[in-house]
């Protein structure tokens, strides 16, 4: 018979580890961005076909 508690605990721990890894990667990327001194800010716009503002 399958040990569902063991399976759940293993899945929970692995998902928690994955979330933590993603959060650390995001924080690291944000710190790199903030520490940059290039002063460039880009504004991205959708083309008119995809934003529903066809006139």
PDB file of N, CA and C in Angstrom:
ATOM      1  N   UNK A   1       0.843  -1.185   0.000  1.00  0.00           N
ATOM      2  CA  UNK A   1       0.000   0.000   0.000  1.00  0.00           C
ATOM      3  C   UNK A   1       0.890   1.251   0.000  1.00  0.00           C
ATOM      4  N   UNK A   2       0.476   2.260  -0.723  1.00  0.00           N
ATOM      5  CA  UNK A   2       1.252   3.490  -0.834  1.00  0.00           C
ATOM      6  C   UNK A   2       1.239   4.249   0.490  1.00  0.00           C
ATOM      7  N   UNK A   3       2.364   4.815   0.820  1.00  0.00           N
ATOM      8  CA  UNK A   3       2.499   5.622   2.034  1.00  0.00           C
ATOM      9  C   UNK A   3       2.210   7.079   1.656  1.00  0.00           C
ATOM     10  N   UNK A   4       0.942   7.462   1.715  1.00  0.00           N
ATOM     11  CA  UNK A   4       0.518   8.780   1.258  1.00  0.00           C
ATOM     12  C   UNK A   4       1.092   9.911   2.099  1.00  0.00           C
ATOM     13  N   UNK A   5       1.256   9.690   3.392  1.00  0.00           N
ATOM     14  CA  UNK A   5       1.853  10.730   4.234  1.00  0.00           C
ATOM     15  C   UNK A   5       3.287  10.994   3.802  1.00  0.00           C
ATOM     16  N   UNK A   6       4.052   9.942   3.554  1.00  0.00           N
ATOM     17  CA  UNK A   6       5.433  10.100   3.104  1.00  0.00           C
ATOM     18  C   UNK A   6       5.467  10.796   1.742  1.00  0.00           C
ATOM     19  N   UNK A   7       4.557  10.422   0.839  1.00  0.00           N
ATOM     20  CA  UNK A   7       4.498  11.040  -0.484  1.00  0.00           C
ATOM     21  C   UNK A   7       4.159  12.523  -0.364  1.00  0.00           C
ATOM     22  N   UNK A   8       3.170  12.848   0.455  1.00  0.00           N
ATOM     23  CA  UNK A   8       2.762  14.241   0.642  1.00  0.00           C
ATOM     24  C   UNK A   8       3.888  15.056   1.257  1.00  0.00           C
ATOM     25  N   UNK A   9       4.522  14.517   2.296  1.00  0.00           N
ATOM     26  CA  UNK A   9       5.621  15.231   2.951  1.00  0.00           C
ATOM     27  C   UNK A   9       6.756  15.506   1.968  1.00  0.00           C
ATOM     28  N   UNK A  10       7.083  14.530   1.146  1.00  0.00           N
ATOM     29  CA  UNK A  10       8.148  14.691   0.164  1.00  0.00           C
ATOM     30  C   UNK A  10       7.783  15.761  -0.861  1.00  0.00           C
ATOM     31  N   UNK A  11       6.570  15.717  -1.371  1.00  0.00           N
ATOM     32  CA  UNK A  11       6.118  16.707  -2.344  1.00  0.00           C
ATOM     33  C   UNK A  11       6.087  18.093  -1.731  1.00  0.00           C
ATOM     34  N   UNK A  12       5.562  18.213  -0.518  1.00  0.00           N
ATOM     35  CA  UNK A  12       5.487  19.501   0.164  1.00  0.00           C
ATOM     36  C   UNK A  12       6.880  20.101   0.343  1.00  0.00           C
ATOM     37  N   UNK A  13       7.819  19.292   0.786  1.00  0.00           N
ATOM     38  CA  UNK A  13       9.180  19.779   1.009  1.00  0.00           C
ATOM     39  C   UNK A  13       9.835  20.218  -0.297  1.00  0.00           C
ATOM     40  N   UNK A  14       9.657  19.441  -1.358  1.00  0.00           N
ATOM     41  CA  UNK A  14      10.261  19.796  -2.644  1.00  0.00           C
ATOM     42  C   UNK A  14       9.637  21.054  -3.235  1.00  0.00           C
ATOM     43  N   UNK A  15       8.327  21.217  -3.111  1.00  0.00           N
ATOM     44  CA  UNK A  15       7.663  22.421  -3.610  1.00  0.00           C
ATOM     45  C   UNK A  15       8.109  23.642  -2.808  1.00  0.00           C
ATOM     46  N   UNK A  16       8.221  23.482  -1.501  1.00  0.00           N
ATOM     47  CA  UNK A  16       8.699  24.578  -0.650  1.00  0.00           C
ATOM     48  C   UNK A  16      10.117  24.994  -1.041  1.00  0.00           C
ATOM     49  N   UNK A  17      10.973  24.006  -1.301  1.00  0.00           N
ATOM     50  CA  UNK A  17      12.344  24.304  -1.735  1.00  0.00           C
ATOM     51  C   UNK A  17      12.346  25.035  -3.075  1.00  0.00           C
ATOM     52  N   UNK A  18      11.487  24.618  -4.005  1.00  0.00           N
ATOM     53  CA  UNK A  18      11.413  25.261  -5.321  1.00  0.00           C
ATOM     54  C   UNK A  18      10.946  26.702  -5.202  1.00  0.00           C
ATOM     55  N   UNK A  19       9.957  26.947  -4.368  1.00  0.00           N
ATOM     56  CA  UNK A  19       9.460  28.314  -4.162  1.00  0.00           C
ATOM     57  C   UNK A  19      10.558  29.190  -3.565  1.00  0.00           C
ATOM     58  N   UNK A  20      11.273  28.667  -2.594  1.00  0.00           N
ATOM     59  CA  UNK A  20      12.375  29.424  -1.975  1.00  0.00           C
ATOM     60  C   UNK A  20      13.455  29.754  -2.998  1.00  0.00           C
ATOM     61  N   UNK A  21      13.773  28.796  -3.852  1.00  0.00           N
ATOM     62  CA  UNK A  21      14.780  29.020  -4.887  1.00  0.00           C
ATOM     63  C   UNK A  21      14.336  30.120  -5.848  1.00  0.00           C
ATOM     64  N   UNK A  22      13.078  30.098  -6.256  1.00  0.00           N
ATOM     65  CA  UNK A  22      12.549  31.123  -7.150  1.00  0.00           C
ATOM     66  C   UNK A  22      12.541  32.498  -6.483  1.00  0.00           C
ATOM     67  N   UNK A  23      12.200  32.547  -5.212  1.00  0.00           N
ATOM     68  CA  UNK A  23      12.203  33.825  -4.491  1.00  0.00           C
ATOM     69  C   UNK A  23      13.613  34.394  -4.392  1.00  0.00           C
ATOM     70  N   UNK A  24      14.597  33.541  -4.100  1.00  0.00           N
ATOM     71  CA  UNK A  24      15.982  34.003  -4.032  1.00  0.00           C
ATOM     72  C   UNK A  24      16.456  34.496  -5.390  1.00  0.00           C
ATOM     73  N   UNK A  25      16.081  33.795  -6.453  1.00  0.00           N
ATOM     74  CA  UNK A  25      16.474  34.222  -7.800  1.00  0.00           C
ATOM     75  C   UNK A  25      15.860  35.577  -8.136  1.00  0.00           C
ATOM     76  N   UNK A  26      14.600  35.787  -7.777  1.00  0.00           N
ATOM     77  CA  UNK A  26      13.949  37.070  -8.017  1.00  0.00           C
ATOM     78  C   UNK A  26      14.630  38.176  -7.226  1.00  0.00           C
ATOM     79  N   UNK A  27      14.918  37.939  -5.953  1.00  0.00           N
ATOM     80  CA  UNK A  27      15.583  38.944  -5.123  1.00  0.00           C
ATOM     81  C   UNK A  27      16.961  39.296  -5.676  1.00  0.00           C
ATOM     82  N   UNK A  28      17.695  38.283  -6.109  1.00  0.00           N
ATOM     83  CA  UNK A  28      19.024  38.512  -6.674  1.00  0.00           C
ATOM     84  C   UNK A  28      18.918  39.377  -7.933  1.00  0.00           C
ATOM     85  N   UNK A  29      17.963  39.066  -8.786  1.00  0.00           N
ATOM     86  CA  UNK A  29      17.771  39.833 -10.012  1.00  0.00           C
ATOM     87  C   UNK A  29      17.355  41.263  -9.701  1.00  0.00           C
ATOM     88  N   UNK A  30      16.467  41.450  -8.727  1.00  0.00           N
ATOM     89  CA  UNK A  30      16.053  42.801  -8.339  1.00  0.00           C
ATOM     90  C   UNK A  30      17.227  43.597  -7.787  1.00  0.00           C
ATOM     91  N   UNK A  31      18.077  42.955  -6.996  1.00  0.00           N
ATOM     92  CA  UNK A  31      19.251  43.644  -6.452  1.00  0.00           C
ATOM     93  C   UNK A  31      20.215  44.054  -7.561  1.00  0.00           C
ATOM     94  N   UNK A  32      20.400  43.193  -8.543  1.00  0.00           N
ATOM     95  CA  UNK A  32      21.258  43.535  -9.683  1.00  0.00           C
ATOM     96  C   UNK A  32      20.667  44.717 -10.431  1.00  0.00           C
ATOM     97  N   UNK A  33      19.357  44.701 -10.641  1.00  0.00           N
ATOM     98  CA  UNK A  33      18.697  45.796 -11.355  1.00  0.00           C
ATOM     99  C   UNK A  33      18.836  47.109 -10.592  1.00  0.00           C
ATOM    100  N   UNK A  34      18.565  47.063  -9.288  1.00  0.00           N
ATOM    101  CA  UNK A  34      18.607  48.275  -8.465  1.00  0.00           C
ATOM    102  C   UNK A  34      20.033  48.826  -8.398  1.00  0.00           C
ATOM    103  N   UNK A  35      21.020  47.960  -8.349  1.00  0.00           N
ATOM    104  CA  UNK A  35      22.402  48.425  -8.227  1.00  0.00           C
ATOM    105  C   UNK A  35      22.963  48.953  -9.544  1.00  0.00           C
ATOM    106  N   UNK A  36      22.250  48.710 -10.642  1.00  0.00           N
ATOM    107  CA  UNK A  36      22.707  49.214 -11.935  1.00  0.00           C
ATOM    108  C   UNK A  36      22.631  50.725 -11.973  1.00  0.00           C
ATOM    109  N   UNK A  37      23.575  51.342 -12.669  1.00  0.00           N
ATOM    110  CA  UNK A  37      23.590  52.798 -12.720  1.00  0.00           C
ATOM    111  C   UNK A  37      23.422  53.316 -14.142  1.00  0.00           C
ATOM    112  N   UNK A  38      22.819  52.517 -14.999  1.00  0.00           N
ATOM    113  CA  UNK A  38      22.662  52.952 -16.379  1.00  0.00           C
ATOM    114  C   UNK A  38      21.534  53.972 -16.547  1.00  0.00           C
ATOM    115  N   UNK A  39      20.596  54.017 -15.611  1.00  0.00           N
ATOM    116  CA  UNK A  39      19.534  55.021 -15.648  1.00  0.00           C
ATOM    117  C   UNK A  39      18.554  54.870 -16.794  1.00  0.00           C
ATOM    118  N   UNK A  40      18.552  53.736 -17.460  1.00  0.00           N
ATOM    119  CA  UNK A  40      17.671  53.532 -18.606  1.00  0.00           C
ATOM    120  C   UNK A  40      16.391  52.855 -18.131  1.00  0.00           C
ATOM    121  N   UNK A  41      15.267  53.431 -18.498  1.00  0.00           N
ATOM    122  CA  UNK A  41      13.967  52.843 -18.210  1.00  0.00           C
ATOM    123  C   UNK A  41      13.239  52.698 -19.537  1.00  0.00           C
ATOM    124  N   UNK A  42      12.782  51.516 -19.826  1.00  0.00           N
ATOM    125  CA  UNK A  42      12.082  51.263 -21.070  1.00  0.00           C
ATOM    126  C   UNK A  42      10.601  51.090 -20.808  1.00  0.00           C
ATOM    127  N   UNK A  43       9.784  51.675 -21.650  1.00  0.00           N
ATOM    128  CA  UNK A  43       8.342  51.483 -21.568  1.00  0.00           C
ATOM    129  C   UNK A  43       7.942  50.592 -22.718  1.00  0.00           C
ATOM    130  N   UNK A  44       7.325  49.472 -22.400  1.00  0.00           N
ATOM    131  CA  UNK A  44       6.891  48.532 -23.416  1.00  0.00           C
ATOM    132  C   UNK A  44       5.399  48.709 -23.645  1.00  0.00           C
ATOM    133  N   UNK A  45       5.005  48.824 -24.898  1.00  0.00           N
ATOM    134  CA  UNK A  45       3.595  48.973 -25.240  1.00  0.00           C
ATOM    135  C   UNK A  45       3.173  47.814 -26.117  1.00  0.00           C
ATOM    136  N   UNK A  46       1.952  47.390 -25.931  1.00  0.00           N
ATOM    137  CA  UNK A  46       1.385  46.352 -26.787  1.00  0.00           C
ATOM    138  C   UNK A  46       0.987  46.971 -28.107  1.00  0.00           C
ATOM    139  N   UNK A  47       1.018  46.157 -29.134  1.00  0.00           N
ATOM    140  CA  UNK A  47       0.549  46.704 -30.400  1.00  0.00           C
ATOM    141  C   UNK A  47      -0.976  46.787 -30.354  1.00  0.00           C
ATOM    142  N   UNK A  48      -1.567  47.622 -31.163  1.00  0.00           N
ATOM    143  CA  UNK A  48      -2.994  47.948 -31.058  1.00  0.00           C
ATOM    144  C   UNK A  48      -3.903  46.751 -31.294  1.00  0.00           C
ATOM    145  N   UNK A  49      -3.439  45.743 -32.008  1.00  0.00           N
ATOM    146  CA  UNK A  49      -4.282  44.576 -32.268  1.00  0.00           C
ATOM    147  C   UNK A  49      -4.518  43.760 -31.001  1.00  0.00           C
ATOM    148  N   UNK A  50      -3.529  43.700 -30.117  1.00  0.00           N
ATOM    149  CA  UNK A  50      -3.654  42.820 -28.958  1.00  0.00           C
ATOM    150  C   UNK A  50      -4.249  43.496 -27.734  1.00  0.00           C
ATOM    151  N   UNK A  51      -4.385  44.845 -27.729  1.00  0.00           N
ATOM    152  CA  UNK A  51      -4.916  45.497 -26.535  1.00  0.00           C
ATOM    153  C   UNK A  51      -6.385  45.851 -26.632  1.00  0.00           C
ATOM    154  N   UNK A  52      -7.026  45.502 -27.739  1.00  0.00           N
ATOM    155  CA  UNK A  52      -8.460  45.726 -27.871  1.00  0.00           C
ATOM    156  C   UNK A  52      -8.843  47.137 -28.202  1.00  0.00           C
ATOM    157  N   UNK A  53      -7.916  47.993 -28.593  1.00  0.00           N
ATOM    158  CA  UNK A  53      -8.225  49.378 -28.912  1.00  0.00           C
ATOM    159  C   UNK A  53      -8.219  49.624 -30.416  1.00  0.00           C
ATOM    160  N   UNK A  54      -8.766  48.687 -31.160  1.00  0.00           N
ATOM    161  CA  UNK A  54      -8.831  48.864 -32.623  1.00  0.00           C
ATOM    162  C   UNK A  54      -9.823  49.952 -32.965  1.00  0.00           C
ATOM    163  N   UNK A  55      -9.386  50.911 -33.768  1.00  0.00           N
ATOM    164  CA  UNK A  55     -10.262  52.022 -34.161  1.00  0.00           C
ATOM    165  C   UNK A  55     -10.231  52.206 -35.646  1.00  0.00           C
TER     166      UNK A  55
END
